[in-house]
Amino acid sequence: MGSYALPRPDLRPGLRADLRRKARGLLLALVVGALGTAAVAAPPPAHAAESTLGAAAAQSGRYFGTAIASGKLGDSTYTSIANREFNSVTAENEMKIDATEPQRGQFNFSSADRVYNWAVQNGKEVRGHTLAWHSQQPGWMQSLSGSTLRQAMIDHINGVMAHYKGKIAQWDVVNEAFADGSSGARRDSNLQRTGNDWIEVAFRTARAADPSAKLCYNDYNVENWTWAKTQAMYSMVRDFKQRGVPIDCVGFQSHFNSGSPYDSNFRTTLQNFAALGVDVAVTELDIQGASASTYAAVVNDCLAVDRCLGVTVWGVRDSDSWRSEQTPLLFNNDGSKKPAYSAVLDALNGGDSSEPPVEGGTIKGVGSGRCLDVPDTSTADGTQLQLWDCHGGTNQQWEQTDAGELRVYGDKCLDAAGTGNGSRVQIYGCHGGDNQKWRVGSDGSVVGVQSGLCLDAVGAGTANGTQIQLYSCTNGSNQRWTLT
C-alpha cells in the first residue's frame, strides 16, 4: 500500500442512465434555485444483471475483491458485506513479512490462515500480499545487509510460498521497489543495496517455490502513463519478459487522491503493460471522496483491457480504511452503500465506457447573465474561472456528479484553491477532495463543502473576464447561478 505526496503509515465507464438522471436533477436545482425552491428526486436503483460486485465481475471472468483484516472477522456487519459482495480476498497485513516470520526461520501463519480460511470457506480466491518489501520488515531482517539479507529474503519467500503452495491465485512477489518523484530510480532500500538483481532473484525464487501461482510486481503512483515511476516499472517488466524472468502480472495499487489524482490515461497504462505479455490488476483501490464517476472510470478501464484480472478495493467500509478520513471506499461506516457502489455495479454489469459520466449544461450568473467559463478553453490545472458571454462551448459545459463535483471536459473539476475570502476558483484534475465538492442551495448559491463560502463574481462584476472567487455568502446576485 502506498500514499501520494505525503509520508504514509507502513501498515497496511461511464455511468448509466440512472446516474445521469440524478446528475441532471441535481443541476436542475441551480435552475429552480433562483425561484426559491429545489426538489431533487432520488435516482432509481441501478438496473443490474447481477446484484453484487463479485457476481457482476464474474460475468466477464474477472474478480472484484477487498482487503480483509483478521481482527475484524468477528464484526458481523463487516463479514456480511465482505461475504456478500466480493469474490476475492487479499490479507491486509497478515501475509506481510513481520506477520509471517517474526523471528528468523520461525514462521507464524495464525493470522494469515484465519484470513485465508475465511476466504476459501466462503468460496473466494486469495491474493497473496506480499513477499519482498522494504517496509514492515521484522527487526531481525532490518538489521541484516548484503548476502545475509539476500539469503533471508530467499528463505522467506520459500517458507511462505511452501505453506500456501497451490492455494494462492496471485502473489505480490515484490512491492514498491521504485522511488517516488521524477527520477525513475529504484528505491534506496536495504533490499536494493543487496544488488540490483534482487527483484529478479525474488521472482525466480517464487516460480520455483510455487509454479502454479501468478507472480506479480505491485506498486503505487504508477497509474499515470506519463510519470517517470510508471516508465521505470514498464522498462523493468519489458526487460524481464525479454530475458525470460518469470513475471506474470503487474498490480496497480490505485490510491487516488489530491496528491495523485486519477487520470484517464490509466487505461493506456494498463493496455501498454498488457501488450508486454503480462496480466494487470487494480490491487488496492481507494478514491478520496469516493467519486462515483471516478470509481466507474477505473472499473471500466479494467473491463476495457482483456488481460485485466480484476479489481480489489482496500477495505470494506470507510471505517476500515487506512485513510478513513478521506472516506474513500464504497460503503459508509454503517455499512450502507454509497452512490459509488451503484456506479461500480452498473459498470460491471455492462456500462458503456463511451458515454460521458453525466449530463449537464452551462451555469449562468443571475447578476451578469454571463456564464461560468474556462478562459481560452484551457485545460491546464490552476486556470482561474471567469464570466463570459454564454456560447455553449465545451469550456462552459458543467456536469455535476453524485459526489458533488462540478466537472468540465469530463475530468477537470471546479476547485477551490483555498478556504478564505478571495480564494481563487479554478479547474484542477478531479481527485475527490472536499475543495472540489459543492452544495447547490435553494437560493441559487453554490457553496464550497470545505470552506462554507460561496461561488462569487469578484467585485460584483458583470463584465466579460470578471474572475471567480470564494467569498462569504451574502445572497447577492453575483453569488446566485442558474443552469440554462
Protein backbone atom coordinates (compact mmCIF):
# COMPACT_ATOMS: atom_id res chain seq x y z
CA MET A 1 0.00 0.00 0.00
CA GLY A 2 1.31 3.45 -0.77
CA SER A 3 0.31 7.06 -0.33
CA TYR A 4 0.99 10.00 -2.54
CA ALA A 5 2.96 13.13 -1.85
CA LEU A 6 2.94 12.65 1.94
CA PRO A 7 4.63 10.00 4.12
CA ARG A 8 2.24 7.22 4.99
CA PRO A 9 1.93 4.61 7.72
CA ASP A 10 3.51 1.32 6.72
CA LEU A 11 0.56 -0.77 7.81
CA ARG A 12 -1.19 -1.67 5.81
CA PRO A 13 -17.39 3.97 -17.99
CA GLY A 14 -19.49 5.87 -17.83
CA LEU A 15 -22.43 5.92 -15.50
CA ARG A 16 -25.66 4.60 -16.89
CA ALA A 17 -28.95 6.44 -17.32
CA ASP A 18 -29.88 6.28 -13.66
CA LEU A 19 -26.84 8.27 -12.57
CA ARG A 20 -27.22 10.66 -15.48
CA ARG A 21 -30.77 11.33 -14.35
CA LYS A 22 -29.57 12.02 -10.81
CA ALA A 23 -26.89 14.40 -12.00
CA ARG A 24 -29.39 16.18 -14.23
CA GLY A 25 -31.74 16.52 -11.28
CA LEU A 26 -29.01 17.98 -9.10
CA LEU A 27 -28.05 20.51 -11.71
CA LEU A 28 -31.68 21.48 -12.19
CA ALA A 29 -31.53 22.68 -8.61
CA LEU A 30 -29.49 25.53 -9.98
CA VAL A 31 -32.35 26.50 -12.26
CA VAL A 32 -35.11 26.39 -9.74
CA GLY A 33 -32.82 27.78 -7.04
CA ALA A 34 -33.33 31.29 -8.31
CA LEU A 35 -37.08 30.74 -7.91
CA GLY A 36 -36.64 29.79 -4.29
CA THR A 37 -37.29 26.04 -4.29
CA ALA A 38 -35.46 22.92 -5.38
CA ALA A 39 -36.82 19.40 -5.13
CA VAL A 40 -34.36 16.76 -6.32
CA ALA A 41 -35.79 13.31 -6.85
CA ALA A 42 -33.75 10.31 -5.71
CA PRO A 43 -32.31 8.26 -8.56
CA PRO A 44 -33.77 4.89 -9.42
CA PRO A 45 -31.63 1.92 -8.37
CA ALA A 46 -29.01 0.55 -10.72
CA HIS A 47 -30.52 -1.88 -13.21
CA ALA A 48 -28.08 -4.68 -12.57
CA ALA A 49 -27.88 -8.03 -14.33
CA GLU A 50 -26.18 -9.17 -11.11
CA SER A 51 -26.84 -7.69 -7.70
CA THR A 52 -23.40 -7.98 -6.09
CA LEU A 53 -19.97 -6.75 -7.13
CA GLY A 54 -18.29 -10.15 -7.23
CA ALA A 55 -21.07 -11.78 -9.24
CA ALA A 56 -21.17 -8.86 -11.67
CA ALA A 57 -17.40 -9.01 -12.18
CA ALA A 58 -17.53 -12.77 -12.70
CA GLN A 59 -19.69 -12.26 -15.79
CA SER A 60 -16.57 -11.10 -17.63
CA GLY A 61 -14.28 -13.64 -15.98
CA ARG A 62 -12.90 -11.11 -13.50
CA TYR A 63 -12.98 -10.75 -9.74
CA PHE A 64 -13.95 -7.86 -7.51
CA GLY A 65 -12.13 -8.19 -4.22
CA THR A 66 -11.34 -6.50 -0.95
CA ALA A 67 -8.62 -6.38 1.69
CA ILE A 68 -9.57 -8.31 4.83
CA ALA A 69 -8.17 -7.80 8.33
CA SER A 70 -8.23 -10.85 10.59
CA GLY A 71 -9.10 -8.75 13.63
CA LYS A 72 -12.39 -7.67 12.04
CA LEU A 73 -13.69 -11.12 11.19
CA GLY A 74 -15.69 -11.03 14.43
CA ASP A 75 -17.63 -7.99 13.19
CA SER A 76 -20.85 -9.33 11.69
CA THR A 77 -21.57 -6.20 9.63
CA TYR A 78 -18.05 -6.34 8.19
CA THR A 79 -18.17 -10.03 7.32
CA SER A 80 -21.72 -9.83 5.97
CA ILE A 81 -20.76 -7.17 3.43
CA ALA A 82 -17.45 -8.83 2.57
CA ASN A 83 -19.02 -12.23 2.06
CA ARG A 84 -21.95 -10.92 0.03
CA GLU A 85 -20.12 -8.52 -2.26
CA PHE A 86 -16.62 -9.79 -3.00
CA ASN A 87 -15.22 -12.92 -4.67
CA SER A 88 -11.52 -12.28 -3.98
CA VAL A 89 -9.63 -11.53 -0.77
CA THR A 90 -6.24 -10.01 -0.01
CA ALA A 91 -4.92 -10.17 3.54
CA GLU A 92 -4.40 -6.55 4.55
CA ASN A 93 -1.33 -7.12 6.76
CA GLU A 94 -1.38 -10.77 7.81
CA MET A 95 0.78 -12.18 4.99
CA LYS A 96 3.45 -9.47 5.18
CA ILE A 97 6.95 -10.23 6.38
CA ASP A 98 6.67 -9.12 10.01
CA ALA A 99 3.48 -11.13 10.48
CA THR A 100 4.62 -14.39 8.87
CA GLU A 101 8.28 -14.58 10.06
CA PRO A 102 8.55 -12.62 13.32
CA GLN A 103 11.79 -14.42 14.18
CA ARG A 104 14.26 -15.59 11.57
CA GLY A 105 13.39 -19.11 10.46
CA GLN A 106 10.33 -19.23 12.76
CA PHE A 107 7.16 -18.81 10.72
CA ASN A 108 3.78 -17.93 12.17
CA PHE A 109 0.72 -18.22 9.93
CA SER A 110 -2.03 -17.99 12.54
CA SER A 111 -3.43 -14.62 11.44
CA ALA A 112 -2.76 -15.26 7.76
CA ASP A 113 -4.52 -18.61 7.94
CA ARG A 114 -7.51 -17.02 9.64
CA VAL A 115 -7.98 -14.72 6.65
CA TYR A 116 -7.20 -17.47 4.15
CA ASN A 117 -9.58 -19.99 5.75
CA TRP A 118 -12.41 -17.46 5.99
CA ALA A 119 -11.96 -16.65 2.30
CA VAL A 120 -11.90 -20.21 0.97
CA GLN A 121 -14.71 -21.34 3.27
CA ASN A 122 -16.81 -18.62 1.67
CA GLY A 123 -15.83 -19.53 -1.88
CA LYS A 124 -13.35 -16.74 -2.59
CA GLU A 125 -9.95 -16.82 -4.25
CA VAL A 126 -6.99 -15.35 -2.38
CA ARG A 127 -4.29 -12.93 -3.47
CA GLY A 128 -1.01 -13.16 -1.55
CA HIS A 129 0.45 -9.86 -0.32
CA THR A 130 3.46 -9.50 -0.05
CA LEU A 131 6.76 -11.46 -0.06
CA ALA A 132 9.61 -8.98 -0.55
CA TRP A 133 9.21 -5.38 0.59
CA HIS A 134 11.33 -2.68 2.17
CA SER A 135 8.59 -1.94 4.70
CA GLN A 136 7.00 -3.97 7.53
CA GLN A 137 10.14 -6.00 7.94
CA PRO A 138 10.66 -7.50 11.40
CA GLY A 139 13.52 -6.12 13.42
CA TRP A 140 15.79 -9.07 12.74
CA MET A 141 15.52 -8.52 8.98
CA GLN A 142 16.05 -4.77 9.28
CA SER A 143 19.38 -5.47 10.97
CA LEU A 144 20.71 -7.59 8.09
CA SER A 145 22.51 -6.50 4.95
CA GLY A 146 24.37 -7.81 1.93
CA SER A 147 24.43 -11.53 1.16
CA THR A 148 22.93 -12.38 4.57
CA LEU A 149 19.85 -10.26 3.85
CA ARG A 150 19.63 -11.67 0.32
CA GLN A 151 19.55 -15.21 1.68
CA ALA A 152 16.97 -14.22 4.30
CA MET A 153 14.75 -12.85 1.52
CA ILE A 154 15.06 -16.11 -0.43
CA ASP A 155 14.34 -18.20 2.66
CA HIS A 156 11.31 -16.08 3.50
CA ILE A 157 9.83 -16.45 0.02
CA ASN A 158 10.37 -20.21 0.11
CA GLY A 159 8.90 -20.56 3.59
CA VAL A 160 5.72 -18.61 2.96
CA MET A 161 5.07 -19.99 -0.50
CA ALA A 162 5.61 -23.55 0.69
CA HIS A 163 2.91 -23.09 3.31
CA TYR A 164 0.40 -21.89 0.70
CA LYS A 165 1.66 -23.86 -2.30
CA GLY A 166 -1.11 -24.39 -4.86
CA LYS A 167 -3.56 -22.31 -2.81
CA ILE A 168 -2.86 -18.68 -3.78
CA ALA A 169 -4.11 -17.30 -7.11
CA GLN A 170 -1.64 -14.38 -7.32
CA TRP A 171 1.34 -13.36 -5.22
CA ASP A 172 2.64 -9.82 -4.94
CA VAL A 173 6.20 -11.08 -5.00
CA VAL A 174 7.86 -7.66 -4.81
CA ASN A 175 6.18 -4.50 -3.56
CA GLU A 176 7.06 -0.82 -4.09
CA ALA A 177 10.65 -1.10 -5.33
CA PHE A 178 10.74 2.20 -7.26
CA ALA A 179 11.38 5.65 -5.83
CA ASP A 180 8.75 8.36 -5.74
CA GLY A 181 9.26 11.51 -7.75
CA SER A 182 10.67 12.12 -11.20
CA SER A 183 13.96 10.21 -11.06
CA GLY A 184 12.68 6.85 -12.31
CA ALA A 185 15.23 5.26 -9.97
CA ARG A 186 14.95 2.25 -7.71
CA ARG A 187 14.02 2.96 -4.11
CA ASP A 188 17.06 3.08 -1.83
CA SER A 189 16.21 0.20 0.50
CA ASN A 190 18.16 -2.48 2.31
CA LEU A 191 16.96 -4.98 -0.30
CA GLN A 192 18.12 -2.75 -3.16
CA ARG A 193 21.52 -2.46 -1.53
CA THR A 194 21.97 -6.24 -1.80
CA GLY A 195 22.30 -5.73 -5.56
CA ASN A 196 20.18 -4.51 -8.45
CA ASP A 197 19.20 -8.07 -9.35
CA TRP A 198 17.26 -8.61 -6.13
CA ILE A 199 13.86 -8.30 -7.80
CA GLU A 200 14.79 -10.83 -10.47
CA VAL A 201 16.07 -13.23 -7.80
CA ALA A 202 12.81 -12.86 -5.87
CA PHE A 203 10.72 -13.76 -8.92
CA ARG A 204 12.90 -16.74 -9.87
CA THR A 205 12.73 -17.99 -6.30
CA ALA A 206 8.95 -17.60 -6.26
CA ARG A 207 8.47 -19.50 -9.52
CA ALA A 208 10.43 -22.44 -8.20
CA ALA A 209 8.55 -22.35 -4.89
CA ASP A 210 5.04 -22.43 -6.42
CA PRO A 211 4.84 -22.82 -10.22
CA SER A 212 1.03 -22.57 -10.17
CA ALA A 213 0.76 -19.05 -8.72
CA LYS A 214 0.69 -15.91 -10.84
CA LEU A 215 3.69 -13.79 -9.85
CA CYS A 216 3.06 -10.04 -9.68
CA TYR A 217 5.03 -6.87 -9.19
CA ASN A 218 2.95 -4.32 -7.21
CA ASP A 219 3.41 -0.54 -6.79
CA TYR A 220 1.68 2.84 -6.31
CA ASN A 221 1.95 6.13 -8.22
CA VAL A 222 2.35 4.11 -11.40
CA GLU A 223 -1.13 4.58 -12.88
CA ASN A 224 -0.39 7.73 -14.89
CA TRP A 225 1.38 6.71 -18.11
CA THR A 226 3.39 9.94 -18.30
CA TRP A 227 5.07 9.59 -14.91
CA ALA A 228 8.73 8.60 -14.57
CA LYS A 229 7.96 5.94 -12.00
CA THR A 230 5.49 4.30 -14.38
CA GLN A 231 8.01 4.34 -17.21
CA ALA A 232 10.71 2.85 -14.99
CA MET A 233 8.42 0.00 -13.97
CA TYR A 234 7.46 -0.54 -17.61
CA SER A 235 11.12 -0.78 -18.62
CA MET A 236 11.76 -3.38 -15.90
CA VAL A 237 8.79 -5.52 -16.92
CA ARG A 238 9.76 -5.31 -20.60
CA ASP A 239 13.31 -6.35 -19.72
CA PHE A 240 12.07 -9.25 -17.59
CA LYS A 241 9.83 -10.52 -20.38
CA GLN A 242 12.62 -10.24 -22.93
CA ARG A 243 15.04 -12.18 -20.73
CA GLY A 244 12.60 -14.81 -19.52
CA VAL A 245 12.40 -13.66 -15.90
CA PRO A 246 9.16 -15.24 -14.60
CA ILE A 247 6.76 -12.30 -14.12
CA ASP A 248 3.07 -12.91 -14.85
CA CYS A 249 1.27 -9.79 -13.72
CA VAL A 250 1.58 -6.19 -12.59
CA GLY A 251 -0.52 -4.71 -9.79
CA PHE A 252 -1.53 -1.04 -9.79
CA GLN A 253 -2.45 -0.04 -6.24
CA SER A 254 -4.57 2.92 -7.42
CA HIS A 255 -4.74 5.01 -4.26
CA PHE A 256 -6.23 8.07 -5.99
CA ASN A 257 -6.25 11.35 -4.06
CA SER A 258 -5.30 15.01 -4.29
CA GLY A 259 -1.61 14.15 -4.49
CA SER A 260 -2.13 11.52 -7.17
CA PRO A 261 -5.47 12.06 -8.94
CA TYR A 262 -6.99 9.63 -11.39
CA ASP A 263 -6.12 10.40 -14.99
CA SER A 264 -7.94 8.94 -17.98
CA ASN A 265 -4.61 7.72 -19.37
CA PHE A 266 -4.75 4.92 -16.76
CA ARG A 267 -6.39 2.80 -19.45
CA THR A 268 -3.42 3.47 -21.72
CA THR A 269 -1.10 2.35 -18.92
CA LEU A 270 -2.99 -0.91 -18.45
CA GLN A 271 -3.08 -1.54 -22.20
CA ASN A 272 0.64 -0.90 -22.64
CA PHE A 273 1.65 -3.25 -19.84
CA ALA A 274 -0.74 -5.94 -21.09
CA ALA A 275 0.88 -5.62 -24.52
CA LEU A 276 4.16 -6.78 -22.92
CA GLY A 277 2.50 -10.14 -22.24
CA VAL A 278 1.60 -9.76 -18.57
CA ASP A 279 -1.74 -9.65 -16.82
CA VAL A 280 -2.68 -6.47 -14.97
CA ALA A 281 -4.81 -5.86 -11.89
CA VAL A 282 -6.09 -2.98 -9.77
CA THR A 283 -4.88 -4.17 -6.38
CA GLU A 284 -5.60 -1.59 -3.62
CA LEU A 285 -8.19 0.81 -4.98
CA ASP A 286 -9.45 3.68 -2.87
CA ILE A 287 -10.50 7.12 -4.10
CA GLN A 288 -10.52 10.21 -1.91
CA GLY A 289 -14.15 11.29 -1.56
CA ALA A 290 -15.38 8.13 -3.35
CA SER A 291 -16.38 9.91 -6.56
CA ALA A 292 -18.91 7.70 -8.33
CA SER A 293 -17.74 8.73 -11.77
CA THR A 294 -14.08 8.07 -10.95
CA TYR A 295 -14.85 4.67 -9.47
CA ALA A 296 -16.81 3.78 -12.59
CA ALA A 297 -13.99 5.03 -14.82
CA VAL A 298 -11.40 2.84 -13.05
CA VAL A 299 -13.61 -0.23 -13.32
CA ASN A 300 -14.28 0.46 -16.98
CA ASP A 301 -10.55 0.86 -17.60
CA CYS A 302 -10.07 -2.67 -16.29
CA LEU A 303 -13.02 -4.02 -18.28
CA ALA A 304 -11.58 -2.49 -21.46
CA VAL A 305 -8.34 -4.49 -21.15
CA ASP A 306 -8.67 -8.22 -21.80
CA ARG A 307 -5.74 -9.06 -19.55
CA CYS A 308 -7.06 -7.14 -16.55
CA LEU A 309 -7.75 -9.82 -13.95
CA GLY A 310 -9.92 -7.76 -11.65
CA VAL A 311 -10.19 -5.01 -9.06
CA THR A 312 -9.53 -5.07 -5.32
CA VAL A 313 -10.67 -2.22 -3.07
CA TRP A 314 -8.51 -1.62 0.00
CA GLY A 315 -11.06 -2.22 2.72
CA VAL A 316 -14.79 -2.75 3.15
CA ARG A 317 -16.26 0.37 4.85
CA ASP A 318 -14.72 3.81 5.27
CA SER A 319 -14.09 3.00 8.92
CA ASP A 320 -11.96 0.03 7.83
CA SER A 321 -9.78 2.12 5.52
CA TRP A 322 -6.20 3.11 6.30
CA ARG A 323 -7.36 6.51 5.02
CA SER A 324 -10.72 6.66 6.75
CA GLU A 325 -10.61 10.47 6.96
CA GLN A 326 -10.76 10.58 3.14
CA THR A 327 -13.98 8.47 3.03
CA PRO A 328 -12.53 6.58 0.03
CA LEU A 329 -14.48 3.31 -0.13
CA LEU A 330 -17.79 2.01 -1.48
CA PHE A 331 -19.55 1.62 1.88
CA ASN A 332 -20.21 4.15 4.64
CA ASN A 333 -19.17 3.47 8.23
CA ASP A 334 -22.60 1.98 8.97
CA GLY A 335 -22.33 -0.41 6.03
CA SER A 336 -24.74 1.44 3.74
CA LYS A 337 -23.91 1.64 0.06
CA LYS A 338 -22.61 4.86 -1.46
CA PRO A 339 -23.51 6.21 -4.92
CA ALA A 340 -20.07 4.94 -5.99
CA TYR A 341 -21.24 1.40 -5.23
CA SER A 342 -24.10 1.71 -7.71
CA ALA A 343 -21.77 3.21 -10.30
CA VAL A 344 -19.33 0.30 -9.96
CA LEU A 345 -22.05 -2.32 -10.02
CA ASP A 346 -23.57 -0.77 -13.12
CA ALA A 347 -20.19 -0.62 -14.86
CA LEU A 348 -19.52 -4.28 -14.05
CA ASN A 349 -22.92 -5.14 -15.47
CA GLY A 350 -22.08 -3.66 -18.85
CA GLY A 351 -21.95 0.13 -18.59
CA ASP A 352 -20.92 1.74 -21.89
CA SER A 353 -17.49 3.27 -21.45
CA SER A 354 -18.08 5.56 -24.42
CA GLU A 355 -20.79 7.50 -22.58
CA PRO A 356 -19.91 10.64 -20.64
CA PRO A 357 -20.23 10.35 -16.86
CA VAL A 358 -23.20 12.70 -16.57
CA GLU A 359 -25.17 15.28 -18.49
CA GLY A 360 -25.01 18.94 -17.63
CA GLY A 361 -25.21 22.44 -19.03
CA THR A 362 -24.00 25.99 -18.65
CA ILE A 363 -24.03 27.82 -15.30
CA LYS A 364 -25.19 31.43 -15.70
CA GLY A 365 -24.72 34.24 -13.21
CA VAL A 366 -28.03 35.80 -12.18
CA GLY A 367 -26.49 39.27 -11.86
CA SER A 368 -24.42 39.24 -15.03
CA GLY A 369 -26.33 36.99 -17.40
CA ARG A 370 -22.92 35.58 -18.35
CA CYS A 371 -21.65 32.02 -17.97
CA LEU A 372 -19.08 30.28 -15.83
CA ASP A 373 -16.22 29.97 -18.31
CA VAL A 374 -12.73 28.46 -18.53
CA PRO A 375 -10.61 31.14 -20.27
CA ASP A 376 -9.35 30.28 -23.75
CA THR A 377 -10.68 26.72 -23.45
CA SER A 378 -7.65 25.97 -21.29
CA THR A 379 -7.26 22.53 -19.75
CA ALA A 380 -4.32 23.50 -17.53
CA ASP A 381 -4.62 22.84 -13.81
CA GLY A 382 -4.88 26.11 -11.90
CA THR A 383 -6.70 28.08 -14.61
CA GLN A 384 -8.93 30.59 -12.79
CA LEU A 385 -12.54 30.75 -13.95
CA GLN A 386 -14.27 33.87 -15.26
CA LEU A 387 -17.59 35.21 -16.51
CA TRP A 388 -18.05 35.27 -20.28
CA ASP A 389 -20.85 35.56 -22.81
CA CYS A 390 -22.69 32.25 -22.94
CA HIS A 391 -21.93 30.32 -26.13
CA GLY A 392 -22.38 26.65 -25.15
CA GLY A 393 -18.77 25.67 -25.80
CA THR A 394 -17.12 22.77 -24.03
CA ASN A 395 -15.39 25.20 -21.67
CA GLN A 396 -18.82 26.28 -20.41
CA GLN A 397 -20.40 22.81 -20.09
CA TRP A 398 -20.55 21.68 -16.47
CA GLU A 399 -21.58 18.29 -15.11
CA GLN A 400 -22.47 17.53 -11.50
CA THR A 401 -21.56 14.11 -10.16
CA ASP A 402 -23.07 12.14 -7.31
CA ALA A 403 -20.07 13.16 -5.20
CA GLY A 404 -20.97 16.84 -5.55
CA GLU A 405 -18.28 17.71 -8.10
CA LEU A 406 -18.83 20.13 -10.95
CA ARG A 407 -16.84 18.83 -13.90
CA VAL A 408 -15.77 20.35 -17.20
CA TYR A 409 -14.15 18.43 -20.08
CA GLY A 410 -15.08 15.24 -18.23
CA ASP A 411 -12.03 15.09 -15.95
CA LYS A 412 -11.42 18.61 -14.63
CA CYS A 413 -13.21 19.80 -11.51
CA LEU A 414 -14.36 23.14 -10.17
CA ASP A 415 -11.70 23.55 -7.49
CA ALA A 416 -11.17 25.98 -4.62
CA ALA A 417 -7.51 26.95 -4.22
CA GLY A 418 -8.06 27.92 -0.57
CA THR A 419 -10.66 28.35 2.15
CA GLY A 420 -10.61 32.10 2.78
CA ASN A 421 -12.37 35.07 1.21
CA GLY A 422 -10.80 35.82 -2.15
CA SER A 423 -9.53 32.29 -2.76
CA ARG A 424 -9.36 31.65 -6.48
CA VAL A 425 -11.81 29.22 -8.05
CA GLN A 426 -10.07 27.25 -10.75
CA ILE A 427 -10.10 23.99 -12.67
CA TYR A 428 -8.00 21.09 -11.48
CA GLY A 429 -7.80 17.36 -12.13
CA CYS A 430 -10.59 15.67 -10.17
CA HIS A 431 -9.37 13.91 -7.02
CA GLY A 432 -12.43 13.83 -4.77
CA GLY A 433 -11.22 16.35 -2.18
CA ASP A 434 -13.70 18.48 -0.27
CA ASN A 435 -12.34 21.56 -2.05
CA GLN A 436 -13.85 20.06 -5.20
CA LYS A 437 -17.31 19.44 -3.73
CA TRP A 438 -20.17 21.93 -3.88
CA ARG A 439 -23.63 22.25 -2.38
CA VAL A 440 -26.35 23.76 -4.53
CA GLY A 441 -28.65 25.92 -2.39
CA SER A 442 -32.33 26.60 -2.91
CA ASP A 443 -31.41 30.28 -3.32
CA GLY A 444 -29.17 29.55 -6.32
CA SER A 445 -25.95 29.69 -4.30
CA VAL A 446 -23.10 27.27 -4.94
CA VAL A 447 -21.26 26.68 -1.65
CA GLY A 448 -17.88 25.02 -1.19
CA VAL A 449 -18.12 21.98 1.09
CA GLN A 450 -14.67 22.57 2.54
CA SER A 451 -14.85 26.34 3.03
CA GLY A 452 -18.55 27.10 3.50
CA LEU A 453 -18.03 30.10 1.19
CA CYS A 454 -19.95 30.96 -1.94
CA LEU A 455 -19.03 30.95 -5.61
CA ASP A 456 -18.66 34.68 -6.23
CA ALA A 457 -18.04 37.04 -9.16
CA VAL A 458 -15.24 39.35 -7.96
CA GLY A 459 -16.38 42.86 -7.01
CA ALA A 460 -19.96 42.05 -8.03
CA GLY A 461 -18.62 42.36 -11.57
CA THR A 462 -20.78 41.57 -14.58
CA ALA A 463 -18.36 42.10 -17.48
CA ASN A 464 -16.58 39.56 -19.63
CA GLY A 465 -13.42 38.45 -17.88
CA THR A 466 -14.67 39.01 -14.34
CA GLN A 467 -12.87 36.46 -12.23
CA ILE A 468 -14.50 33.92 -9.92
CA GLN A 469 -13.54 33.51 -6.28
CA LEU A 470 -14.81 32.23 -2.94
CA TYR A 471 -16.45 34.76 -0.65
CA SER A 472 -18.72 34.87 2.39
CA CYS A 473 -22.27 34.21 1.30
CA THR A 474 -24.38 37.37 1.02
CA ASN A 475 -27.16 36.20 -1.33
CA GLY A 476 -26.09 38.91 -3.77
CA SER A 477 -26.90 38.46 -7.42
CA ASN A 478 -23.17 37.89 -8.09
CA GLN A 479 -23.44 34.75 -5.93
CA ARG A 480 -26.57 33.25 -7.50
CA TRP A 481 -26.48 30.95 -10.51
CA THR A 482 -28.85 29.13 -12.84
CA LEU A 483 -28.46 26.32 -15.34
CA THR A 484 -29.54 27.08 -18.87
